[in-house]
């Protein structure tokens, strides 16, 4: 029987559909910034695929190496896990139509994004600014600034500082990930004073499932562990044909 949380999430999604407007992007490159490999697919697989079908360039910048998802695993080291997650990102984004050469891996230490030293933080900002300058996107997508994950929430200030360095206006749109799993956060997202947008496609659920299947380290157990680090319940929070976004003036 569905839990109270499931009922609340379903009602909030209905409310979001009623309030959100279709997301229309101007022509030009799209840069998706993901704190971890898999955030881009969880949050905006449909939009990425839509832009690629329209022959618009899409690039993905992964901030951390994702190496902290299996702490204390007896067989998989953080270095091995980082390499696995990069390979998974290449496979997953290829399902969405993004070529491997459009992926950038910043390699910041997973789990430490909110606690970078001043020197490391400044270097990260410069690296993000250099990536944005090189790719010259018309639009940037990044995880929601209040997404309920310390890594996700730390990503937005880094981008904001990088854009201040660049000094030219670029449209920034935020996408929720953990918000979609929490009624409290999703209600807060619904009440947001920014512009809410929606991307809908009748086959989005199938597309997202195919892409996420490549993230084996996250959605299947790594032996000898018998449970995945992301539960089936969490994955089901993204098995819908709608994606939501918010645009808040910087």
Protein backbone atom coordinates (compact mmCIF):
# COMPACT_ATOMS: atom_id res chain seq x y z
CA UNK A 1 0.00 0.00 0.00
CA UNK A 2 1.42 3.45 -0.92
CA UNK A 3 2.71 5.39 2.06
CA UNK A 4 1.63 8.86 3.13
CA UNK A 5 4.86 10.20 1.61
CA UNK A 6 3.96 8.70 -1.77
CA UNK A 7 0.50 10.27 -1.64
CA UNK A 8 1.95 13.66 -0.73
CA UNK A 9 4.53 13.50 -3.51
CA UNK A 10 1.83 12.54 -6.03
CA UNK A 11 -0.37 15.47 -5.00
CA UNK A 12 2.55 17.89 -5.12
CA UNK A 13 3.48 16.69 -8.60
CA UNK A 14 -0.08 17.34 -9.74
CA UNK A 15 0.11 20.84 -8.27
CA UNK A 16 3.42 21.45 -10.01
CA UNK A 17 2.00 20.35 -13.37
CA UNK A 18 -0.80 22.86 -12.96
CA UNK A 19 1.50 25.73 -12.00
CA UNK A 20 4.54 25.11 -14.20
CA UNK A 21 4.89 26.46 -17.73
CA UNK A 22 6.51 24.58 -20.62
CA UNK A 23 10.26 25.17 -20.64
CA UNK A 24 11.42 26.87 -23.82
CA UNK A 25 15.14 27.40 -24.38
CA UNK A 26 16.68 29.77 -26.86
CA UNK A 27 18.85 28.24 -29.53
CA UNK A 28 22.40 27.59 -28.48
CA UNK A 29 24.50 25.23 -26.40
CA UNK A 30 23.23 23.80 -23.13
CA UNK A 31 25.61 23.05 -20.24
CA UNK A 32 24.37 20.69 -17.54
CA UNK A 33 26.31 20.86 -14.28
CA UNK A 34 25.98 17.76 -12.08
CA UNK A 35 27.47 17.43 -8.59
CA UNK A 36 27.73 13.64 -9.14
CA UNK A 37 27.50 11.31 -12.10
CA UNK A 38 23.78 10.38 -12.30
CA UNK A 39 22.34 13.77 -11.22
CA UNK A 40 22.14 14.87 -14.85
CA UNK A 41 20.02 11.83 -15.74
CA UNK A 42 17.87 11.92 -12.61
CA UNK A 43 17.09 15.61 -12.96
CA UNK A 44 17.01 16.47 -16.65
CA UNK A 45 17.34 13.44 -18.94
CA UNK A 46 14.24 14.48 -20.85
CA UNK A 47 15.45 18.01 -21.47
CA UNK A 48 18.88 16.79 -22.53
CA UNK A 49 17.33 14.32 -24.97
CA UNK A 50 14.93 16.93 -26.32
CA UNK A 51 17.75 19.36 -27.03
CA UNK A 52 19.80 16.69 -28.77
CA UNK A 53 16.83 15.70 -30.94
CA UNK A 54 16.66 19.36 -31.95
CA UNK A 55 20.35 19.15 -32.88
CA UNK A 56 21.35 21.52 -30.08
CA UNK A 57 24.72 21.00 -28.46
CA UNK A 58 24.61 19.62 -24.90
CA UNK A 59 27.64 19.29 -22.61
CA UNK A 60 27.82 17.92 -19.07
CA UNK A 61 30.22 19.04 -16.35
CA UNK A 62 30.55 16.64 -13.40
CA UNK A 63 31.91 18.43 -10.36
CA UNK A 64 32.85 15.57 -8.03
CA UNK A 65 34.27 12.15 -8.80
CA UNK A 66 31.43 10.32 -7.02
CA UNK A 67 33.92 8.28 -5.01
CA UNK A 68 32.18 8.58 -1.63
CA UNK A 69 29.00 6.63 -2.38
CA UNK A 70 30.42 3.32 -1.07
CA UNK A 71 32.33 4.26 2.07
CA UNK A 72 33.93 1.25 3.77
CA UNK A 73 33.15 -1.12 0.91
CA UNK A 74 35.48 -4.14 1.37
CA UNK A 75 36.35 -4.54 -2.31
CA UNK A 76 35.82 -1.26 -4.16
CA UNK A 77 38.30 1.52 -3.46
CA UNK A 78 37.37 5.19 -3.95
CA UNK A 79 39.74 5.36 -6.93
CA UNK A 80 38.09 2.37 -8.59
CA UNK A 81 34.66 3.76 -7.86
CA UNK A 82 35.53 7.14 -9.40
CA UNK A 83 36.61 5.42 -12.61
CA UNK A 84 33.47 3.25 -12.65
CA UNK A 85 31.19 6.22 -12.19
CA UNK A 86 32.88 8.15 -15.00
CA UNK A 87 32.35 5.18 -17.32
CA UNK A 88 28.72 4.95 -16.20
CA UNK A 89 28.24 8.64 -16.97
CA UNK A 90 29.55 8.14 -20.49
CA UNK A 91 27.18 5.22 -21.06
CA UNK A 92 24.14 6.92 -19.52
CA UNK A 93 24.54 10.21 -21.37
CA UNK A 94 25.08 8.39 -24.65
CA UNK A 95 21.52 7.04 -24.25
CA UNK A 96 20.42 10.68 -24.08
CA UNK A 97 22.36 11.57 -27.23
CA UNK A 98 25.39 13.24 -25.67
CA UNK A 99 28.76 12.26 -27.13
CA UNK A 100 31.64 11.35 -24.77
CA UNK A 101 33.72 14.32 -25.90
CA UNK A 102 30.96 16.61 -24.55
CA UNK A 103 31.61 15.42 -20.99
CA UNK A 104 33.89 17.24 -18.57
CA UNK A 105 35.04 15.74 -15.25
CA UNK A 106 36.32 18.25 -12.72
CA UNK A 107 37.28 15.45 -10.29
CA UNK A 108 36.62 17.26 -7.03
CA UNK A 109 36.55 14.99 -3.95
CA UNK A 110 33.08 13.60 -3.36
CA UNK A 111 31.61 14.44 0.03
CA UNK A 112 33.81 17.50 0.50
CA UNK A 113 32.31 20.06 -1.86
CA UNK A 114 30.91 22.25 0.95
CA UNK A 115 34.20 22.06 2.85
CA UNK A 116 36.84 22.89 0.26
CA UNK A 117 39.83 24.86 1.47
CA UNK A 118 39.92 28.47 0.24
CA UNK A 119 42.60 27.53 -2.28
CA UNK A 120 40.70 24.49 -3.56
CA UNK A 121 37.46 26.46 -3.74
CA UNK A 122 39.07 29.23 -5.76
CA UNK A 123 40.58 26.67 -8.11
CA UNK A 124 37.19 25.01 -8.56
CA UNK A 125 35.62 28.37 -9.38
CA UNK A 126 38.33 29.12 -11.93
CA UNK A 127 37.92 25.67 -13.50
CA UNK A 128 34.15 26.11 -13.79
CA UNK A 129 34.62 29.59 -15.26
CA UNK A 130 37.11 28.23 -17.80
CA UNK A 131 34.70 25.46 -18.81
CA UNK A 132 31.81 27.88 -19.22
CA UNK A 133 33.96 30.29 -21.22
CA UNK A 134 35.19 27.51 -23.51
CA UNK A 135 31.76 25.99 -24.13
CA UNK A 136 29.92 29.32 -24.35
CA UNK A 137 26.49 27.93 -23.41
CA UNK A 138 23.30 29.89 -23.94
CA UNK A 139 21.81 28.14 -20.89
CA UNK A 140 23.25 26.42 -17.83
CA UNK A 141 21.39 23.82 -15.76
CA UNK A 142 22.49 23.14 -12.19
CA UNK A 143 21.00 21.35 -9.19
CA UNK A 144 18.53 23.36 -7.13
CA UNK A 145 20.16 25.60 -4.54
CA UNK A 146 17.89 24.09 -1.81
CA UNK A 147 17.96 20.48 -2.97
CA UNK A 148 18.51 18.85 0.42
CA UNK A 149 21.99 17.52 -0.38
CA UNK A 150 25.05 19.36 0.89
CA UNK A 151 26.94 18.61 -2.33
CA UNK A 152 24.07 19.82 -4.50
CA UNK A 153 23.56 22.97 -2.50
CA UNK A 154 27.31 23.72 -2.53
CA UNK A 155 27.37 23.56 -6.33
CA UNK A 156 25.23 26.64 -6.89
CA UNK A 157 27.52 29.15 -5.08
CA UNK A 158 30.50 27.80 -7.04
CA UNK A 159 28.73 28.44 -10.33
CA UNK A 160 27.51 31.84 -9.15
CA UNK A 161 31.08 32.88 -8.27
CA UNK A 162 32.34 31.56 -11.62
CA UNK A 163 29.74 33.58 -13.51
CA UNK A 164 30.74 36.71 -11.60
CA UNK A 165 34.30 36.13 -12.79
CA UNK A 166 33.15 35.73 -16.39
CA UNK A 167 31.07 38.88 -16.15
CA UNK A 168 28.53 38.15 -18.87
CA UNK A 169 24.88 37.18 -18.49
CA UNK A 170 24.03 33.51 -19.02
CA UNK A 171 20.64 32.02 -18.31
CA UNK A 172 20.77 29.67 -15.28
CA UNK A 173 18.00 27.17 -14.59
CA UNK A 174 17.93 24.88 -11.54
CA UNK A 175 16.73 21.28 -11.47
CA UNK A 176 15.63 19.28 -8.41
CA UNK A 177 16.92 15.81 -7.54
CA UNK A 178 16.58 14.97 -3.84
CA UNK A 179 13.74 17.47 -3.70
CA UNK A 180 11.64 15.03 -5.74
CA UNK A 181 11.99 12.43 -2.98
CA UNK A 182 10.98 14.69 -0.08
CA UNK A 183 7.44 16.10 0.37
CA UNK A 184 8.81 18.90 2.54
CA UNK A 185 11.38 19.97 -0.05
CA UNK A 186 8.98 19.53 -2.95
CA UNK A 187 6.38 21.70 -1.19
CA UNK A 188 9.06 24.36 -0.69
CA UNK A 189 9.97 24.01 -4.38
CA UNK A 190 6.29 24.48 -5.32
CA UNK A 191 6.10 27.69 -3.27
CA UNK A 192 9.25 29.04 -4.93
CA UNK A 193 8.94 32.64 -6.09
CA UNK A 194 10.91 31.91 -9.27
CA UNK A 195 9.53 30.79 -12.61
CA UNK A 196 8.54 27.13 -12.53
CA UNK A 197 8.89 25.11 -15.72
CA UNK A 198 7.97 21.64 -16.89
CA UNK A 199 9.27 19.31 -19.58
CA UNK A 200 6.85 16.55 -20.55
CA UNK A 201 7.25 13.62 -22.91
CA UNK A 202 5.13 10.46 -22.97
CA UNK A 203 8.20 8.21 -23.18
CA UNK A 204 10.38 10.07 -20.68
CA UNK A 205 10.00 7.39 -18.01
CA UNK A 206 11.28 4.72 -20.41
CA UNK A 207 14.17 6.90 -21.55
CA UNK A 208 15.22 7.71 -17.99
CA UNK A 209 15.01 4.07 -16.94
CA UNK A 210 17.29 3.05 -19.85
CA UNK A 211 19.83 5.72 -19.00
CA UNK A 212 19.81 5.06 -15.25
CA UNK A 213 20.34 1.34 -15.86
CA UNK A 214 23.93 2.26 -16.72
CA UNK A 215 24.53 3.56 -13.20
CA UNK A 216 25.04 0.07 -11.84
CA UNK A 217 27.10 1.25 -8.86
CA UNK A 218 24.18 3.33 -7.65
CA UNK A 219 21.11 1.26 -8.43
CA UNK A 220 22.41 -2.32 -8.06
CA UNK A 221 24.30 -3.86 -5.14
CA UNK A 222 28.07 -4.19 -5.39
CA UNK A 223 28.97 -7.57 -3.87
CA UNK A 224 29.31 -8.48 -1.10
CA UNK A 225 26.76 -5.78 -0.28
CA UNK A 226 23.26 -7.03 -0.93
CA UNK A 227 21.49 -3.68 -1.25
CA UNK A 228 22.16 -0.79 -3.65
CA UNK A 229 23.17 2.58 -2.24
CA UNK A 230 20.10 4.12 -3.90
CA UNK A 231 16.89 2.29 -3.06
CA UNK A 232 14.22 1.23 -5.52
CA UNK A 233 11.93 3.65 -3.72
CA UNK A 234 14.31 6.49 -4.53
CA UNK A 235 14.58 5.44 -8.18
CA UNK A 236 10.78 5.29 -8.43
CA UNK A 237 10.60 8.97 -7.52
CA UNK A 238 11.97 9.68 -11.01
CA UNK A 239 9.81 7.23 -12.95
CA UNK A 240 7.52 9.92 -14.35
CA UNK A 241 7.03 11.60 -17.69
CA UNK A 242 7.58 15.10 -16.31
CA UNK A 243 10.65 17.03 -15.22
CA UNK A 244 10.48 20.29 -13.30
CA UNK A 245 12.78 23.29 -13.24
CA UNK A 246 12.96 26.70 -11.60
CA UNK A 247 14.55 29.93 -12.77
CA UNK A 248 15.42 32.48 -10.10
CA UNK A 249 17.11 35.74 -11.06
CA UNK A 250 20.74 35.77 -9.89
